[in-house]
Amino acid sequence: MGGVYLKLKELIEKANADLSFKEKIKGWDRVISFHITDDKEESCLIMTKDGEVSLEKGDVSTSDIIVTTDIESFNEIVKGSLKPSNAFLSGRLKVEGPIFDLIKLNSIFKVLL
């Protein structure tokens, strides 16, 4: 499994251990795809259901929200040296989905990162 999958897995373990985070996403059941566009393209699906978060490798076509970025931007976001909102505004992070879900996703990034 690739580095993106492992880093997302680490973040999800953190999320599932945080009771306030679990309460924040309770009732927000979505499939979020993280698609990394580099030489070794990698896609991971994050599922939120009943206040729990899970992760698997998967196809972006089954997602409610699609997050696309390159590996460098992904790593900077995860390290905290690049805010997701700044990455989005600069075009380094692309997000597709309903506006309500995008707002919720941004609040989730704030908790996880």
C-alpha atoms as a PDB file:
ATOM      1  CA  MET A   1       0.000   0.000   0.000  1.00  0.00           C
ATOM      2  CA  GLY A   2       1.195   3.491  -0.783  1.00  0.00           C
ATOM      3  CA  GLY A   3       2.193   6.367   1.445  1.00  0.00           C
ATOM      4  CA  VAL A   4      -1.087   8.215   0.920  1.00  0.00           C
ATOM      5  CA  TYR A   5      -3.084   5.230   2.158  1.00  0.00           C
ATOM      6  CA  LEU A   6      -0.870   4.840   5.221  1.00  0.00           C
ATOM      7  CA  LYS A   7      -1.045   8.539   6.114  1.00  0.00           C
ATOM      8  CA  LEU A   8      -4.828   8.601   5.700  1.00  0.00           C
ATOM      9  CA  LYS A   9      -5.059   5.442   7.820  1.00  0.00           C
ATOM     10  CA  GLU A  10      -3.091   7.195  10.575  1.00  0.00           C
ATOM     11  CA  LEU A  11      -5.432  10.221  10.427  1.00  0.00           C
ATOM     12  CA  ILE A  12      -8.511   7.982  10.509  1.00  0.00           C
ATOM     13  CA  GLU A  13      -7.251   6.116  13.563  1.00  0.00           C
ATOM     14  CA  LYS A  14      -6.814   9.489  15.253  1.00  0.00           C
ATOM     15  CA  ALA A  15     -10.343  10.502  14.217  1.00  0.00           C
ATOM     16  CA  ASN A  16     -11.947   7.301  15.473  1.00  0.00           C
ATOM     17  CA  ALA A  17     -10.268   7.767  18.865  1.00  0.00           C
ATOM     18  CA  ASP A  18     -11.630  11.321  19.226  1.00  0.00           C
ATOM     19  CA  LEU A  19     -15.139  11.340  20.710  1.00  0.00           C
ATOM     20  CA  SER A  20     -15.799  14.985  19.823  1.00  0.00           C
ATOM     21  CA  PHE A  21     -14.830  14.293  16.222  1.00  0.00           C
ATOM     22  CA  LYS A  22     -17.127  11.278  16.089  1.00  0.00           C
ATOM     23  CA  GLU A  23     -19.983  13.416  17.385  1.00  0.00           C
ATOM     24  CA  LYS A  24     -19.216  16.079  14.765  1.00  0.00           C
ATOM     25  CA  ILE A  25     -19.623  13.647  11.854  1.00  0.00           C
ATOM     26  CA  LYS A  26     -22.492  11.604  13.288  1.00  0.00           C
ATOM     27  CA  GLY A  27     -25.279  11.498  10.707  1.00  0.00           C
ATOM     28  CA  TRP A  28     -22.956  12.665   7.908  1.00  0.00           C
ATOM     29  CA  ASP A  29     -22.637   9.439   5.908  1.00  0.00           C
ATOM     30  CA  ARG A  30     -20.450  10.039   2.876  1.00  0.00           C
ATOM     31  CA  VAL A  31     -17.817   8.460   0.653  1.00  0.00           C
ATOM     32  CA  ILE A  32     -14.856  10.775   0.096  1.00  0.00           C
ATOM     33  CA  SER A  33     -12.264   9.927  -2.510  1.00  0.00           C
ATOM     34  CA  PHE A  34      -8.693  11.144  -2.295  1.00  0.00           C
ATOM     35  CA  HIS A  35      -7.139  10.906  -5.744  1.00  0.00           C
ATOM     36  CA  ILE A  36      -3.417  11.619  -5.987  1.00  0.00           C
ATOM     37  CA  THR A  37      -2.272  12.516  -9.503  1.00  0.00           C
ATOM     38  CA  ASP A  38       1.399  11.678  -9.863  1.00  0.00           C
ATOM     39  CA  ASP A  39       3.456   9.010 -11.550  1.00  0.00           C
ATOM     40  CA  LYS A  40       1.952   6.408  -9.245  1.00  0.00           C
ATOM     41  CA  GLU A  41      -1.672   7.471  -9.247  1.00  0.00           C
ATOM     42  CA  GLU A  42      -3.380   6.407  -6.073  1.00  0.00           C
ATOM     43  CA  SER A  43      -6.989   6.607  -4.952  1.00  0.00           C
ATOM     44  CA  CYS A  44      -8.311   5.975  -1.474  1.00  0.00           C
ATOM     45  CA  LEU A  45     -11.883   6.065  -0.236  1.00  0.00           C
ATOM     46  CA  ILE A  46     -12.792   7.412   3.181  1.00  0.00           C
ATOM     47  CA  MET A  47     -16.231   6.410   4.373  1.00  0.00           C
ATOM     48  CA  THR A  48     -18.076   8.137   7.199  1.00  0.00           C
ATOM     49  CA  LYS A  49     -21.045   6.283   8.651  1.00  0.00           C
ATOM     50  CA  ASP A  50     -22.707   6.472  12.055  1.00  0.00           C
ATOM     51  CA  GLY A  51     -19.876   8.587  13.471  1.00  0.00           C
ATOM     52  CA  GLU A  52     -17.170   6.132  12.386  1.00  0.00           C
ATOM     53  CA  VAL A  53     -14.567   6.581   9.677  1.00  0.00           C
ATOM     54  CA  SER A  54     -13.079   3.818   7.555  1.00  0.00           C
ATOM     55  CA  LEU A  55     -10.617   3.633   4.679  1.00  0.00           C
ATOM     56  CA  GLU A  56     -10.083   1.433   1.663  1.00  0.00           C
ATOM     57  CA  LYS A  57      -8.485   1.522  -1.749  1.00  0.00           C
ATOM     58  CA  GLY A  58     -11.073   2.310  -4.336  1.00  0.00           C
ATOM     59  CA  ASP A  59     -12.471   3.889  -7.441  1.00  0.00           C
ATOM     60  CA  VAL A  60     -13.306   7.607  -7.376  1.00  0.00           C
ATOM     61  CA  SER A  61     -16.508   7.086  -9.364  1.00  0.00           C
ATOM     62  CA  THR A  62     -18.342   5.805  -6.272  1.00  0.00           C
ATOM     63  CA  SER A  63     -17.699   8.958  -4.230  1.00  0.00           C
ATOM     64  CA  ASP A  64     -19.930  11.739  -2.925  1.00  0.00           C
ATOM     65  CA  ILE A  65     -16.895  14.032  -2.733  1.00  0.00           C
ATOM     66  CA  ILE A  66     -13.735  13.815  -4.841  1.00  0.00           C
ATOM     67  CA  VAL A  67     -10.524  15.442  -3.597  1.00  0.00           C
ATOM     68  CA  THR A  68      -7.736  15.594  -6.199  1.00  0.00           C
ATOM     69  CA  THR A  69      -4.191  16.803  -5.598  1.00  0.00           C
ATOM     70  CA  ASP A  70      -0.566  15.911  -6.243  1.00  0.00           C
ATOM     71  CA  ILE A  71       1.605  14.069  -3.730  1.00  0.00           C
ATOM     72  CA  GLU A  72       3.649  17.165  -2.832  1.00  0.00           C
ATOM     73  CA  SER A  73       0.554  19.184  -1.951  1.00  0.00           C
ATOM     74  CA  PHE A  74      -0.967  16.233  -0.086  1.00  0.00           C
ATOM     75  CA  ASN A  75       2.170  15.881   2.049  1.00  0.00           C
ATOM     76  CA  GLU A  76       2.288  19.631   2.772  1.00  0.00           C
ATOM     77  CA  ILE A  77      -1.367  19.603   3.841  1.00  0.00           C
ATOM     78  CA  VAL A  78      -0.847  16.599   6.115  1.00  0.00           C
ATOM     79  CA  LYS A  79       2.284  18.158   7.670  1.00  0.00           C
ATOM     80  CA  GLY A  80       0.394  21.388   8.282  1.00  0.00           C
ATOM     81  CA  SER A  81       2.632  23.579   6.137  1.00  0.00           C
ATOM     82  CA  LEU A  82      -0.207  24.144   3.626  1.00  0.00           C
ATOM     83  CA  LYS A  83      -3.785  24.851   4.669  1.00  0.00           C
ATOM     84  CA  PRO A  84      -6.394  22.936   2.649  1.00  0.00           C
ATOM     85  CA  SER A  85      -8.247  26.199   1.942  1.00  0.00           C
ATOM     86  CA  ASN A  86      -5.063  27.820   0.571  1.00  0.00           C
ATOM     87  CA  ALA A  87      -4.347  24.741  -1.536  1.00  0.00           C
ATOM     88  CA  PHE A  88      -7.884  24.934  -2.918  1.00  0.00           C
ATOM     89  CA  LEU A  89      -7.674  28.655  -3.696  1.00  0.00           C
ATOM     90  CA  SER A  90      -4.324  28.219  -5.449  1.00  0.00           C
ATOM     91  CA  GLY A  91      -5.592  25.296  -7.550  1.00  0.00           C
ATOM     92  CA  ARG A  92      -3.306  22.749  -5.928  1.00  0.00           C
ATOM     93  CA  LEU A  93      -6.312  20.971  -4.414  1.00  0.00           C
ATOM     94  CA  LYS A  94      -9.487  20.342  -6.370  1.00  0.00           C
ATOM     95  CA  VAL A  95     -12.700  19.307  -4.669  1.00  0.00           C
ATOM     96  CA  GLU A  96     -15.919  18.184  -6.325  1.00  0.00           C
ATOM     97  CA  GLY A  97     -19.176  17.767  -4.445  1.00  0.00           C
ATOM     98  CA  PRO A  98     -22.178  19.574  -2.967  1.00  0.00           C
ATOM     99  CA  ILE A  99     -21.315  22.877  -1.245  1.00  0.00           C
ATOM    100  CA  PHE A 100     -22.637  21.713   2.145  1.00  0.00           C
ATOM    101  CA  ASP A 101     -20.360  18.679   1.988  1.00  0.00           C
ATOM    102  CA  LEU A 102     -17.380  20.836   1.044  1.00  0.00           C
ATOM    103  CA  ILE A 103     -17.959  23.050   4.077  1.00  0.00           C
ATOM    104  CA  LYS A 104     -18.246  19.974   6.308  1.00  0.00           C
ATOM    105  CA  LEU A 105     -15.101  18.491   4.769  1.00  0.00           C
ATOM    106  CA  ASN A 106     -13.184  21.694   5.516  1.00  0.00           C
ATOM    107  CA  SER A 107     -14.240  21.518   9.178  1.00  0.00           C
ATOM    108  CA  ILE A 108     -13.101  17.880   9.282  1.00  0.00           C
ATOM    109  CA  PHE A 109      -9.690  18.849   7.882  1.00  0.00           C
ATOM    110  CA  LYS A 110      -9.371  21.414  10.671  1.00  0.00           C
ATOM    111  CA  VAL A 111      -9.919  18.724  13.310  1.00  0.00           C
ATOM    112  CA  LEU A 112      -7.681  16.075  11.748  1.00  0.00           C
ATOM    113  CA  LEU A 113      -4.700  18.195  10.727  1.00  0.00           C
END
